């Protein structure tokens, strides 16, 4: 059974940076895509970024050029580097195992981490 543990959230001022980490266990990490989703108060959970087993990346339009997803297969860890943060990036960020791309978008896999809060505020 896959287990995901996120870390790295916190409070940051607009324009600042954070790096989220997600450590995975219980699966062959390198064989699967990994993704990040987020959920703001009163809103549905939404796709943020994904990285395939081959290292290809994809992002939602609102974070392109500001966020970068990467993975270290030796450490079974996926990262989300977030730069130029905006108040609208405030949300709980969730790591997701094995998201799939179909029907024109990324659909979440069945395994989630516990989430980490990111708050962007002055």
PDB file of N, CA and C in Angstrom:
ATOM      1  N   UNK A   1       0.844  -1.182   0.000  1.00  0.00           N
ATOM      2  CA  UNK A   1       0.000   0.000   0.000  1.00  0.00           C
ATOM      3  C   UNK A   1       0.883   1.237   0.000  1.00  0.00           C
ATOM      4  N   UNK A   2       0.569   2.170  -0.884  1.00  0.00           N
ATOM      5  CA  UNK A   2       1.368   3.372  -1.023  1.00  0.00           C
ATOM      6  C   UNK A   2       1.064   4.338   0.112  1.00  0.00           C
ATOM      7  N   UNK A   3       2.111   4.900   0.675  1.00  0.00           N
ATOM      8  CA  UNK A   3       1.973   5.955   1.678  1.00  0.00           C
ATOM      9  C   UNK A   3       2.744   7.180   1.211  1.00  0.00           C
ATOM     10  N   UNK A   4       2.120   8.336   1.378  1.00  0.00           N
ATOM     11  CA  UNK A   4       2.705   9.602   0.946  1.00  0.00           C
ATOM     12  C   UNK A   4       2.734  10.564   2.117  1.00  0.00           C
ATOM     13  N   UNK A   5       3.865  11.221   2.330  1.00  0.00           N
ATOM     14  CA  UNK A   5       4.008  12.164   3.430  1.00  0.00           C
ATOM     15  C   UNK A   5       4.578  13.467   2.883  1.00  0.00           C
ATOM     16  N   UNK A   6       3.767  14.527   2.976  1.00  0.00           N
ATOM     17  CA  UNK A   6       4.195  15.835   2.488  1.00  0.00           C
ATOM     18  C   UNK A   6       4.853  16.633   3.607  1.00  0.00           C
ATOM     19  N   UNK A   7       5.686  17.575   3.201  1.00  0.00           N
ATOM     20  CA  UNK A   7       6.276  18.533   4.126  1.00  0.00           C
ATOM     21  C   UNK A   7       6.656  19.787   3.357  1.00  0.00           C
ATOM     22  N   UNK A   8       6.917  20.868   4.106  1.00  0.00           N
ATOM     23  CA  UNK A   8       7.443  22.068   3.482  1.00  0.00           C
ATOM     24  C   UNK A   8       6.491  23.233   3.363  1.00  0.00           C
ATOM     25  N   UNK A   9       5.252  23.058   3.773  1.00  0.00           N
ATOM     26  CA  UNK A   9       4.321  24.167   3.708  1.00  0.00           C
ATOM     27  C   UNK A   9       4.620  25.212   4.768  1.00  0.00           C
ATOM     28  N   UNK A  10       3.874  26.314   4.714  1.00  0.00           N
ATOM     29  CA  UNK A  10       4.055  27.363   5.703  1.00  0.00           C
ATOM     30  C   UNK A  10       3.467  28.673   5.249  1.00  0.00           C
ATOM     31  N   UNK A  11       3.830  29.717   5.987  1.00  0.00           N
ATOM     32  CA  UNK A  11       3.377  31.075   5.688  1.00  0.00           C
ATOM     33  C   UNK A  11       4.502  31.821   4.973  1.00  0.00           C
ATOM     34  N   UNK A  12       4.153  32.451   3.862  1.00  0.00           N
ATOM     35  CA  UNK A  12       5.149  33.181   3.092  1.00  0.00           C
ATOM     36  C   UNK A  12       4.515  34.454   2.553  1.00  0.00           C
ATOM     37  N   UNK A  13       5.309  35.487   2.390  1.00  0.00           N
ATOM     38  CA  UNK A  13       4.810  36.746   1.845  1.00  0.00           C
ATOM     39  C   UNK A  13       4.657  36.648   0.326  1.00  0.00           C
ATOM     40  N   UNK A  14       3.779  37.433  -0.244  1.00  0.00           N
ATOM     41  CA  UNK A  14       3.671  37.464  -1.711  1.00  0.00           C
ATOM     42  C   UNK A  14       5.025  37.723  -2.355  1.00  0.00           C
ATOM     43  N   UNK A  15       5.294  36.970  -3.415  1.00  0.00           N
ATOM     44  CA  UNK A  15       6.579  37.051  -4.089  1.00  0.00           C
ATOM     45  C   UNK A  15       7.622  36.099  -3.547  1.00  0.00           C
ATOM     46  N   UNK A  16       7.319  35.454  -2.444  1.00  0.00           N
ATOM     47  CA  UNK A  16       8.262  34.533  -1.828  1.00  0.00           C
ATOM     48  C   UNK A  16       8.239  33.149  -2.457  1.00  0.00           C
ATOM     49  N   UNK A  17       9.029  32.259  -1.857  1.00  0.00           N
ATOM     50  CA  UNK A  17       9.176  30.901  -2.384  1.00  0.00           C
ATOM     51  C   UNK A  17       9.026  29.866  -1.275  1.00  0.00           C
ATOM     52  N   UNK A  18       8.577  28.693  -1.679  1.00  0.00           N
ATOM     53  CA  UNK A  18       8.534  27.519  -0.813  1.00  0.00           C
ATOM     54  C   UNK A  18       8.842  26.300  -1.658  1.00  0.00           C
ATOM     55  N   UNK A  19       9.363  25.271  -1.011  1.00  0.00           N
ATOM     56  CA  UNK A  19       9.538  23.990  -1.679  1.00  0.00           C
ATOM     57  C   UNK A  19       8.830  22.912  -0.880  1.00  0.00           C
ATOM     58  N   UNK A  20       7.893  22.264  -1.530  1.00  0.00           N
ATOM     59  CA  UNK A  20       7.171  21.146  -0.926  1.00  0.00           C
ATOM     60  C   UNK A  20       7.863  19.848  -1.299  1.00  0.00           C
ATOM     61  N   UNK A  21       7.829  18.898  -0.367  1.00  0.00           N
ATOM     62  CA  UNK A  21       8.375  17.566  -0.603  1.00  0.00           C
ATOM     63  C   UNK A  21       7.304  16.528  -0.317  1.00  0.00           C
ATOM     64  N   UNK A  22       7.390  15.412  -1.012  1.00  0.00           N
ATOM     65  CA  UNK A  22       6.469  14.299  -0.792  1.00  0.00           C
ATOM     66  C   UNK A  22       7.284  13.012  -0.858  1.00  0.00           C
ATOM     67  N   UNK A  23       7.396  12.350   0.279  1.00  0.00           N
ATOM     68  CA  UNK A  23       8.123  11.091   0.353  1.00  0.00           C
ATOM     69  C   UNK A  23       7.146   9.936   0.207  1.00  0.00           C
ATOM     70  N   UNK A  24       7.459   9.027  -0.700  1.00  0.00           N
ATOM     71  CA  UNK A  24       6.582   7.900  -0.999  1.00  0.00           C
ATOM     72  C   UNK A  24       7.200   6.589  -0.532  1.00  0.00           C
ATOM     73  N   UNK A  25       6.350   5.690  -0.100  1.00  0.00           N
ATOM     74  CA  UNK A  25       6.791   4.358   0.272  1.00  0.00           C
ATOM     75  C   UNK A  25       5.726   3.359  -0.141  1.00  0.00           C
ATOM     76  N   UNK A  26       6.134   2.113  -0.281  1.00  0.00           N
ATOM     77  CA  UNK A  26       5.168   1.062  -0.536  1.00  0.00           C
ATOM     78  C   UNK A  26       4.878   0.793  -1.984  1.00  0.00           C
ATOM     79  N   UNK A  27       5.619   1.421  -2.892  1.00  0.00           N
ATOM     80  CA  UNK A  27       5.412   1.133  -4.313  1.00  0.00           C
ATOM     81  C   UNK A  27       6.735   1.278  -5.044  1.00  0.00           C
ATOM     82  N   UNK A  28       6.747   0.871  -6.298  1.00  0.00           N
ATOM     83  CA  UNK A  28       7.920   1.099  -7.136  1.00  0.00           C
ATOM     84  C   UNK A  28       7.803   2.526  -7.648  1.00  0.00           C
ATOM     85  N   UNK A  29       8.379   3.443  -6.907  1.00  0.00           N
ATOM     86  CA  UNK A  29       8.186   4.873  -7.121  1.00  0.00           C
ATOM     87  C   UNK A  29       8.508   5.276  -8.544  1.00  0.00           C
ATOM     88  N   UNK A  30       9.617   4.794  -9.071  1.00  0.00           N
ATOM     89  CA  UNK A  30      10.098   5.267 -10.368  1.00  0.00           C
ATOM     90  C   UNK A  30       9.178   4.862 -11.515  1.00  0.00           C
ATOM     91  N   UNK A  31       8.298   3.894 -11.314  1.00  0.00           N
ATOM     92  CA  UNK A  31       7.420   3.409 -12.387  1.00  0.00           C
ATOM     93  C   UNK A  31       6.168   4.264 -12.568  1.00  0.00           C
ATOM     94  N   UNK A  32       5.902   5.161 -11.647  1.00  0.00           N
ATOM     95  CA  UNK A  32       4.622   5.861 -11.633  1.00  0.00           C
ATOM     96  C   UNK A  32       4.759   7.371 -11.777  1.00  0.00           C
ATOM     97  N   UNK A  33       3.758   7.968 -12.403  1.00  0.00           N
ATOM     98  CA  UNK A  33       3.644   9.415 -12.376  1.00  0.00           C
ATOM     99  C   UNK A  33       3.304   9.872 -10.967  1.00  0.00           C
ATOM    100  N   UNK A  34       3.675  11.104 -10.662  1.00  0.00           N
ATOM    101  CA  UNK A  34       3.337  11.720  -9.379  1.00  0.00           C
ATOM    102  C   UNK A  34       2.785  13.105  -9.652  1.00  0.00           C
ATOM    103  N   UNK A  35       1.932  13.554  -8.760  1.00  0.00           N
ATOM    104  CA  UNK A  35       1.313  14.849  -8.996  1.00  0.00           C
ATOM    105  C   UNK A  35       1.085  15.626  -7.721  1.00  0.00           C
ATOM    106  N   UNK A  36       0.808  16.909  -7.917  1.00  0.00           N
ATOM    107  CA  UNK A  36       0.403  17.800  -6.827  1.00  0.00           C
ATOM    108  C   UNK A  36      -0.955  18.408  -7.192  1.00  0.00           C
ATOM    109  N   UNK A  37      -1.835  18.416  -6.227  1.00  0.00           N
ATOM    110  CA  UNK A  37      -3.131  19.068  -6.335  1.00  0.00           C
ATOM    111  C   UNK A  37      -3.259  20.026  -5.161  1.00  0.00           C
ATOM    112  N   UNK A  38      -4.212  20.937  -5.240  1.00  0.00           N
ATOM    113  CA  UNK A  38      -4.428  21.853  -4.123  1.00  0.00           C
ATOM    114  C   UNK A  38      -5.910  22.126  -3.952  1.00  0.00           C
ATOM    115  N   UNK A  39      -6.263  22.508  -2.729  1.00  0.00           N
ATOM    116  CA  UNK A  39      -7.657  22.829  -2.421  1.00  0.00           C
ATOM    117  C   UNK A  39      -7.688  24.073  -1.557  1.00  0.00           C
ATOM    118  N   UNK A  40      -8.281  25.120  -2.097  1.00  0.00           N
ATOM    119  CA  UNK A  40      -8.464  26.357  -1.355  1.00  0.00           C
ATOM    120  C   UNK A  40      -9.784  26.305  -0.610  1.00  0.00           C
ATOM    121  N   UNK A  41      -9.937  27.104   0.439  1.00  0.00           N
ATOM    122  CA  UNK A  41     -11.192  27.092   1.209  1.00  0.00           C
ATOM    123  C   UNK A  41     -12.396  27.365   0.321  1.00  0.00           C
ATOM    124  N   UNK A  42     -13.399  26.513   0.430  1.00  0.00           N
ATOM    125  CA  UNK A  42     -14.630  26.691  -0.326  1.00  0.00           C
ATOM    126  C   UNK A  42     -14.548  26.319  -1.790  1.00  0.00           C
ATOM    127  N   UNK A  43     -13.425  25.740  -2.213  1.00  0.00           N
ATOM    128  CA  UNK A  43     -13.252  25.379  -3.617  1.00  0.00           C
ATOM    129  C   UNK A  43     -12.959  23.893  -3.755  1.00  0.00           C
ATOM    130  N   UNK A  44     -13.130  23.400  -4.982  1.00  0.00           N
ATOM    131  CA  UNK A  44     -12.814  22.003  -5.247  1.00  0.00           C
ATOM    132  C   UNK A  44     -11.307  21.811  -5.363  1.00  0.00           C
ATOM    133  N   UNK A  45     -10.879  20.599  -5.097  1.00  0.00           N
ATOM    134  CA  UNK A  45      -9.480  20.271  -5.282  1.00  0.00           C
ATOM    135  C   UNK A  45      -9.136  20.356  -6.771  1.00  0.00           C
ATOM    136  N   UNK A  46      -7.985  20.950  -7.070  1.00  0.00           N
ATOM    137  CA  UNK A  46      -7.604  21.150  -8.462  1.00  0.00           C
ATOM    138  C   UNK A  46      -6.187  20.678  -8.735  1.00  0.00           C
ATOM    139  N   UNK A  47      -5.943  20.310  -9.977  1.00  0.00           N
ATOM    140  CA  UNK A  47      -4.631  19.890 -10.425  1.00  0.00           C
ATOM    141  C   UNK A  47      -3.668  21.067 -10.436  1.00  0.00           C
ATOM    142  N   UNK A  48      -2.421  20.803 -10.004  1.00  0.00           N
ATOM    143  CA  UNK A  48      -1.389  21.823 -10.044  1.00  0.00           C
ATOM    144  C   UNK A  48      -0.257  21.423 -10.985  1.00  0.00           C
ATOM    145  N   UNK A  49       0.304  20.227 -10.772  1.00  0.00           N
ATOM    146  CA  UNK A  49       1.457  19.806 -11.561  1.00  0.00           C
ATOM    147  C   UNK A  49       1.576  18.295 -11.521  1.00  0.00           C
ATOM    148  N   UNK A  50       2.204  17.741 -12.562  1.00  0.00           N
ATOM    149  CA  UNK A  50       2.458  16.312 -12.609  1.00  0.00           C
ATOM    150  C   UNK A  50       3.805  16.054 -13.281  1.00  0.00           C
ATOM    151  N   UNK A  51       4.394  14.924 -12.916  1.00  0.00           N
ATOM    152  CA  UNK A  51       5.637  14.489 -13.543  1.00  0.00           C
ATOM    153  C   UNK A  51       5.507  12.998 -13.825  1.00  0.00           C
ATOM    154  N   UNK A  52       5.808  12.620 -15.067  1.00  0.00           N
ATOM    155  CA  UNK A  52       5.680  11.221 -15.450  1.00  0.00           C
ATOM    156  C   UNK A  52       6.892  10.418 -14.974  1.00  0.00           C
ATOM    157  N   UNK A  53       6.810   9.112 -15.156  1.00  0.00           N
ATOM    158  CA  UNK A  53       7.941   8.264 -14.796  1.00  0.00           C
ATOM    159  C   UNK A  53       9.172   8.611 -15.630  1.00  0.00           C
ATOM    160  N   UNK A  54       8.946   9.127 -16.822  1.00  0.00           N
ATOM    161  CA  UNK A  54      10.057   9.516 -17.696  1.00  0.00           C
ATOM    162  C   UNK A  54      10.574  10.920 -17.471  1.00  0.00           C
ATOM    163  N   UNK A  55       9.918  11.659 -16.564  1.00  0.00           N
ATOM    164  CA  UNK A  55      10.381  13.002 -16.234  1.00  0.00           C
ATOM    165  C   UNK A  55       9.693  14.123 -16.978  1.00  0.00           C
ATOM    166  N   UNK A  56       8.706  13.816 -17.817  1.00  0.00           N
ATOM    167  CA  UNK A  56       7.943  14.882 -18.472  1.00  0.00           C
ATOM    168  C   UNK A  56       7.055  15.562 -17.449  1.00  0.00           C
ATOM    169  N   UNK A  57       6.894  16.867 -17.614  1.00  0.00           N
ATOM    170  CA  UNK A  57       6.134  17.639 -16.635  1.00  0.00           C
ATOM    171  C   UNK A  57       4.966  18.363 -17.292  1.00  0.00           C
ATOM    172  N   UNK A  58       3.974  18.674 -16.476  1.00  0.00           N
ATOM    173  CA  UNK A  58       2.817  19.424 -16.934  1.00  0.00           C
ATOM    174  C   UNK A  58       2.309  20.265 -15.772  1.00  0.00           C
ATOM    175  N   UNK A  59       1.724  21.416 -16.098  1.00  0.00           N
ATOM    176  CA  UNK A  59       1.284  22.352 -15.070  1.00  0.00           C
ATOM    177  C   UNK A  59      -0.052  22.959 -15.450  1.00  0.00           C
ATOM    178  N   UNK A  60      -0.819  23.336 -14.445  1.00  0.00           N
ATOM    179  CA  UNK A  60      -1.973  24.143 -14.720  1.00  0.00           C
ATOM    180  C   UNK A  60      -1.501  25.532 -15.133  1.00  0.00           C
ATOM    181  N   UNK A  61      -2.301  26.194 -15.964  1.00  0.00           N
ATOM    182  CA  UNK A  61      -1.848  27.454 -16.551  1.00  0.00           C
ATOM    183  C   UNK A  61      -1.473  28.505 -15.514  1.00  0.00           C
ATOM    184  N   UNK A  62      -2.162  28.540 -14.411  1.00  0.00           N
ATOM    185  CA  UNK A  62      -1.948  29.614 -13.436  1.00  0.00           C
ATOM    186  C   UNK A  62      -0.595  29.539 -12.737  1.00  0.00           C
ATOM    187  N   UNK A  63       0.093  28.401 -12.821  1.00  0.00           N
ATOM    188  CA  UNK A  63       1.389  28.273 -12.137  1.00  0.00           C
ATOM    189  C   UNK A  63       2.549  28.127 -13.102  1.00  0.00           C
ATOM    190  N   UNK A  64       2.265  28.061 -14.388  1.00  0.00           N
ATOM    191  CA  UNK A  64       3.343  27.904 -15.375  1.00  0.00           C
ATOM    192  C   UNK A  64       4.327  29.066 -15.281  1.00  0.00           C
ATOM    193  N   UNK A  65       5.609  28.740 -15.276  1.00  0.00           N
ATOM    194  CA  UNK A  65       6.649  29.747 -15.157  1.00  0.00           C
ATOM    195  C   UNK A  65       6.982  30.117 -13.731  1.00  0.00           C
ATOM    196  N   UNK A  66       6.172  29.674 -12.770  1.00  0.00           N
ATOM    197  CA  UNK A  66       6.428  29.978 -11.353  1.00  0.00           C
ATOM    198  C   UNK A  66       6.730  28.733 -10.532  1.00  0.00           C
ATOM    199  N   UNK A  67       6.079  27.627 -10.855  1.00  0.00           N
ATOM    200  CA  UNK A  67       6.247  26.383 -10.104  1.00  0.00           C
ATOM    201  C   UNK A  67       7.044  25.394 -10.945  1.00  0.00           C
ATOM    202  N   UNK A  68       7.769  24.511 -10.260  1.00  0.00           N
ATOM    203  CA  UNK A  68       8.508  23.457 -10.944  1.00  0.00           C
ATOM    204  C   UNK A  68       8.401  22.165 -10.151  1.00  0.00           C
ATOM    205  N   UNK A  69       7.960  21.113 -10.824  1.00  0.00           N
ATOM    206  CA  UNK A  69       7.874  19.800 -10.199  1.00  0.00           C
ATOM    207  C   UNK A  69       9.097  18.989 -10.614  1.00  0.00           C
ATOM    208  N   UNK A  70       9.622  18.212  -9.673  1.00  0.00           N
ATOM    209  CA  UNK A  70      10.775  17.364  -9.969  1.00  0.00           C
ATOM    210  C   UNK A  70      10.685  16.118  -9.102  1.00  0.00           C
ATOM    211  N   UNK A  71      11.520  15.143  -9.422  1.00  0.00           N
ATOM    212  CA  UNK A  71      11.508  13.905  -8.645  1.00  0.00           C
ATOM    213  C   UNK A  71      12.920  13.387  -8.484  1.00  0.00           C
ATOM    214  N   UNK A  72      13.145  12.719  -7.364  1.00  0.00           N
ATOM    215  CA  UNK A  72      14.406  12.044  -7.092  1.00  0.00           C
ATOM    216  C   UNK A  72      14.054  10.588  -6.826  1.00  0.00           C
ATOM    217  N   UNK A  73      14.235   9.748  -7.826  1.00  0.00           N
ATOM    218  CA  UNK A  73      13.826   8.349  -7.686  1.00  0.00           C
ATOM    219  C   UNK A  73      14.669   7.610  -6.648  1.00  0.00           C
ATOM    220  N   UNK A  74      15.898   8.031  -6.454  1.00  0.00           N
ATOM    221  CA  UNK A  74      16.741   7.381  -5.447  1.00  0.00           C
ATOM    222  C   UNK A  74      16.222   7.618  -4.038  1.00  0.00           C
ATOM    223  N   UNK A  75      15.526   8.744  -3.848  1.00  0.00           N
ATOM    224  CA  UNK A  75      14.979   9.080  -2.534  1.00  0.00           C
ATOM    225  C   UNK A  75      13.482   8.844  -2.457  1.00  0.00           C
ATOM    226  N   UNK A  76      12.868   8.348  -3.542  1.00  0.00           N
ATOM    227  CA  UNK A  76      11.412   8.147  -3.574  1.00  0.00           C
ATOM    228  C   UNK A  76      10.666   9.424  -3.182  1.00  0.00           C
ATOM    229  N   UNK A  77      11.121  10.534  -3.703  1.00  0.00           N
ATOM    230  CA  UNK A  77      10.566  11.822  -3.302  1.00  0.00           C
ATOM    231  C   UNK A  77      10.255  12.676  -4.532  1.00  0.00           C
ATOM    232  N   UNK A  78       9.131  13.367  -4.467  1.00  0.00           N
ATOM    233  CA  UNK A  78       8.751  14.339  -5.484  1.00  0.00           C
ATOM    234  C   UNK A  78       8.694  15.712  -4.821  1.00  0.00           C
ATOM    235  N   UNK A  79       9.089  16.722  -5.570  1.00  0.00           N
ATOM    236  CA  UNK A  79       9.175  18.078  -5.041  1.00  0.00           C
ATOM    237  C   UNK A  79       8.294  19.024  -5.853  1.00  0.00           C
ATOM    238  N   UNK A  80       7.893  20.109  -5.209  1.00  0.00           N
ATOM    239  CA  UNK A  80       7.228  21.199  -5.905  1.00  0.00           C
ATOM    240  C   UNK A  80       7.885  22.495  -5.446  1.00  0.00           C
ATOM    241  N   UNK A  81       8.700  23.074  -6.314  1.00  0.00           N
ATOM    242  CA  UNK A  81       9.319  24.361  -6.047  1.00  0.00           C
ATOM    243  C   UNK A  81       8.351  25.454  -6.482  1.00  0.00           C
ATOM    244  N   UNK A  82       7.983  26.308  -5.556  1.00  0.00           N
ATOM    245  CA  UNK A  82       6.990  27.354  -5.824  1.00  0.00           C
ATOM    246  C   UNK A  82       7.651  28.716  -5.643  1.00  0.00           C
ATOM    247  N   UNK A  83       7.726  29.464  -6.712  1.00  0.00           N
ATOM    248  CA  UNK A  83       8.326  30.798  -6.694  1.00  0.00           C
ATOM    249  C   UNK A  83       7.280  31.850  -7.038  1.00  0.00           C
ATOM    250  N   UNK A  84       7.595  33.094  -6.742  1.00  0.00           N
ATOM    251  CA  UNK A  84       6.700  34.218  -7.051  1.00  0.00           C
ATOM    252  C   UNK A  84       5.279  33.922  -6.564  1.00  0.00           C
ATOM    253  N   UNK A  85       5.189  33.483  -5.350  1.00  0.00           N
ATOM    254  CA  UNK A  85       3.890  33.071  -4.811  1.00  0.00           C
ATOM    255  C   UNK A  85       2.938  34.247  -4.703  1.00  0.00           C
ATOM    256  N   UNK A  86       1.665  33.940  -4.930  1.00  0.00           N
ATOM    257  CA  UNK A  86       0.598  34.932  -4.895  1.00  0.00           C
ATOM    258  C   UNK A  86      -0.427  34.544  -3.832  1.00  0.00           C
ATOM    259  N   UNK A  87      -1.195  35.490  -3.322  1.00  0.00           N
ATOM    260  CA  UNK A  87      -2.232  35.136  -2.338  1.00  0.00           C
ATOM    261  C   UNK A  87      -3.194  34.064  -2.861  1.00  0.00           C
ATOM    262  N   UNK A  88      -3.456  34.054  -4.150  1.00  0.00           N
ATOM    263  CA  UNK A  88      -4.372  33.053  -4.701  1.00  0.00           C
ATOM    264  C   UNK A  88      -3.769  31.649  -4.753  1.00  0.00           C
ATOM    265  N   UNK A  89      -2.499  31.508  -4.416  1.00  0.00           N
ATOM    266  CA  UNK A  89      -1.896  30.180  -4.291  1.00  0.00           C
ATOM    267  C   UNK A  89      -2.171  29.562  -2.915  1.00  0.00           C
ATOM    268  N   UNK A  90      -2.768  30.323  -2.025  1.00  0.00           N
ATOM    269  CA  UNK A  90      -3.079  29.817  -0.695  1.00  0.00           C
ATOM    270  C   UNK A  90      -4.032  28.633  -0.781  1.00  0.00           C
ATOM    271  N   UNK A  91      -3.624  27.506  -0.206  1.00  0.00           N
ATOM    272  CA  UNK A  91      -4.416  26.275  -0.275  1.00  0.00           C
ATOM    273  C   UNK A  91      -3.711  25.193   0.535  1.00  0.00           C
ATOM    274  N   UNK A  92      -4.416  24.102   0.713  1.00  0.00           N
ATOM    275  CA  UNK A  92      -3.768  22.875   1.183  1.00  0.00           C
ATOM    276  C   UNK A  92      -3.277  22.126  -0.058  1.00  0.00           C
ATOM    277  N   UNK A  93      -2.009  21.788  -0.061  1.00  0.00           N
ATOM    278  CA  UNK A  93      -1.403  21.100  -1.200  1.00  0.00           C
ATOM    279  C   UNK A  93      -1.266  19.609  -0.878  1.00  0.00           C
ATOM    280  N   UNK A  94      -1.707  18.800  -1.832  1.00  0.00           N
ATOM    281  CA  UNK A  94      -1.719  17.353  -1.660  1.00  0.00           C
ATOM    282  C   UNK A  94      -0.847  16.678  -2.706  1.00  0.00           C
ATOM    283  N   UNK A  95      -0.066  15.738  -2.265  1.00  0.00           N
ATOM    284  CA  UNK A  95       0.686  14.877  -3.157  1.00  0.00           C
ATOM    285  C   UNK A  95      -0.223  13.728  -3.612  1.00  0.00           C
ATOM    286  N   UNK A  96      -0.069  13.319  -4.852  1.00  0.00           N
ATOM    287  CA  UNK A  96      -0.928  12.265  -5.402  1.00  0.00           C
ATOM    288  C   UNK A  96      -0.099  11.247  -6.180  1.00  0.00           C
ATOM    289  N   UNK A  97      -0.433   9.991  -5.961  1.00  0.00           N
ATOM    290  CA  UNK A  97       0.290   8.884  -6.602  1.00  0.00           C
ATOM    291  C   UNK A  97      -0.436   8.425  -7.854  1.00  0.00           C
ATOM    292  N   UNK A  98       0.297   8.321  -8.934  1.00  0.00           N
ATOM    293  CA  UNK A  98      -0.191   7.742 -10.174  1.00  0.00           C
ATOM    294  C   UNK A  98      -1.381   8.474 -10.788  1.00  0.00           C
ATOM    295  N   UNK A  99      -1.307   9.800 -10.910  1.00  0.00           N
ATOM    296  CA  UNK A  99      -2.363  10.488 -11.656  1.00  0.00           C
ATOM    297  C   UNK A  99      -2.285  10.081 -13.129  1.00  0.00           C
ATOM    298  N   UNK A 100      -3.399  10.160 -13.813  1.00  0.00           N
ATOM    299  CA  UNK A 100      -3.457   9.771 -15.221  1.00  0.00           C
ATOM    300  C   UNK A 100      -3.987  10.926 -16.068  1.00  0.00           C
ATOM    301  N   UNK A 101      -3.474  11.025 -17.284  1.00  0.00           N
ATOM    302  CA  UNK A 101      -3.930  12.075 -18.192  1.00  0.00           C
ATOM    303  C   UNK A 101      -4.927  11.477 -19.162  1.00  0.00           C
ATOM    304  N   UNK A 102      -6.172  11.847 -19.044  1.00  0.00           N
ATOM    305  CA  UNK A 102      -7.186  11.455 -20.028  1.00  0.00           C
ATOM    306  C   UNK A 102      -8.358  12.410 -19.922  1.00  0.00           C
ATOM    307  N   UNK A 103      -9.204  12.337 -20.932  1.00  0.00           N
ATOM    308  CA  UNK A 103     -10.333  13.265 -21.070  1.00  0.00           C
ATOM    309  C   UNK A 103      -9.844  14.717 -21.045  1.00  0.00           C
ATOM    310  N   UNK A 104      -8.625  14.961 -21.565  1.00  0.00           N
ATOM    311  CA  UNK A 104      -8.136  16.326 -21.712  1.00  0.00           C
ATOM    312  C   UNK A 104      -7.570  16.941 -20.455  1.00  0.00           C
ATOM    313  N   UNK A 105      -7.387  16.132 -19.409  1.00  0.00           N
ATOM    314  CA  UNK A 105      -6.824  16.687 -18.189  1.00  0.00           C
ATOM    315  C   UNK A 105      -6.268  15.601 -17.293  1.00  0.00           C
ATOM    316  N   UNK A 106      -5.665  16.027 -16.210  1.00  0.00           N
ATOM    317  CA  UNK A 106      -5.086  15.091 -15.270  1.00  0.00           C
ATOM    318  C   UNK A 106      -6.137  14.679 -14.244  1.00  0.00           C
ATOM    319  N   UNK A 107      -6.308  13.370 -14.120  1.00  0.00           N
ATOM    320  CA  UNK A 107      -7.224  12.795 -13.148  1.00  0.00           C
ATOM    321  C   UNK A 107      -6.399  12.184 -12.012  1.00  0.00           C
ATOM    322  N   UNK A 108      -6.795  12.446 -10.801  1.00  0.00           N
ATOM    323  CA  UNK A 108      -6.019  11.999  -9.653  1.00  0.00           C
ATOM    324  C   UNK A 108      -6.053  10.489  -9.494  1.00  0.00           C
ATOM    325  N   UNK A 109      -4.932   9.952  -9.011  1.00  0.00           N
ATOM    326  CA  UNK A 109      -4.899   8.567  -8.589  1.00  0.00           C
ATOM    327  C   UNK A 109      -5.572   8.404  -7.249  1.00  0.00           C
ATOM    328  N   UNK A 110      -5.577   7.184  -6.762  1.00  0.00           N
ATOM    329  CA  UNK A 110      -6.374   6.902  -5.566  1.00  0.00           C
ATOM    330  C   UNK A 110      -5.647   7.203  -4.259  1.00  0.00           C
ATOM    331  N   UNK A 111      -4.350   7.429  -4.294  1.00  0.00           N
ATOM    332  CA  UNK A 111      -3.584   7.628  -3.056  1.00  0.00           C
ATOM    333  C   UNK A 111      -3.186   9.084  -2.875  1.00  0.00           C
ATOM    334  N   UNK A 112      -3.470   9.571  -1.668  1.00  0.00           N
ATOM    335  CA  UNK A 112      -3.173  10.958  -1.319  1.00  0.00           C
ATOM    336  C   UNK A 112      -2.309  11.029  -0.071  1.00  0.00           C
ATOM    337  N   UNK A 113      -1.527  12.080   0.007  1.00  0.00           N
ATOM    338  CA  UNK A 113      -0.891  12.412   1.264  1.00  0.00           C
ATOM    339  C   UNK A 113      -1.869  13.134   2.168  1.00  0.00           C
ATOM    340  N   UNK A 114      -1.373  13.532   3.340  1.00  0.00           N
ATOM    341  CA  UNK A 114      -2.242  14.183   4.328  1.00  0.00           C
ATOM    342  C   UNK A 114      -2.459  15.653   4.023  1.00  0.00           C
ATOM    343  N   UNK A 115      -1.656  16.214   3.149  1.00  0.00           N
ATOM    344  CA  UNK A 115      -1.777  17.621   2.792  1.00  0.00           C
ATOM    345  C   UNK A 115      -0.877  18.504   3.635  1.00  0.00           C
ATOM    346  N   UNK A 116      -0.456  19.607   3.040  1.00  0.00           N
ATOM    347  CA  UNK A 116       0.354  20.598   3.748  1.00  0.00           C
ATOM    348  C   UNK A 116      -0.162  21.988   3.392  1.00  0.00           C
ATOM    349  N   UNK A 117      -0.339  22.824   4.408  1.00  0.00           N
ATOM    350  CA  UNK A 117      -0.932  24.141   4.215  1.00  0.00           C
ATOM    351  C   UNK A 117       0.105  25.126   3.681  1.00  0.00           C
ATOM    352  N   UNK A 118      -0.265  25.824   2.638  1.00  0.00           N
ATOM    353  CA  UNK A 118       0.528  26.936   2.115  1.00  0.00           C
ATOM    354  C   UNK A 118      -0.317  28.197   2.214  1.00  0.00           C
ATOM    355  N   UNK A 119       0.190  29.188   2.908  1.00  0.00           N
ATOM    356  CA  UNK A 119      -0.512  30.461   3.072  1.00  0.00           C
ATOM    357  C   UNK A 119       0.377  31.581   2.565  1.00  0.00           C
ATOM    358  N   UNK A 120      -0.143  32.339   1.619  1.00  0.00           N
ATOM    359  CA  UNK A 120       0.598  33.463   1.039  1.00  0.00           C
ATOM    360  C   UNK A 120      -0.108  34.743   1.471  1.00  0.00           C
ATOM    361  N   UNK A 121       0.555  35.482   2.336  1.00  0.00           N
ATOM    362  CA  UNK A 121      -0.083  36.672   2.904  1.00  0.00           C
ATOM    363  C   UNK A 121       0.978  37.608   3.444  1.00  0.00           C
ATOM    364  N   UNK A 122       0.682  38.902   3.355  1.00  0.00           N
ATOM    365  CA  UNK A 122       1.572  39.895   3.936  1.00  0.00           C
ATOM    366  C   UNK A 122       1.159  40.229   5.363  1.00  0.00           C
TER     367      UNK A 122
END
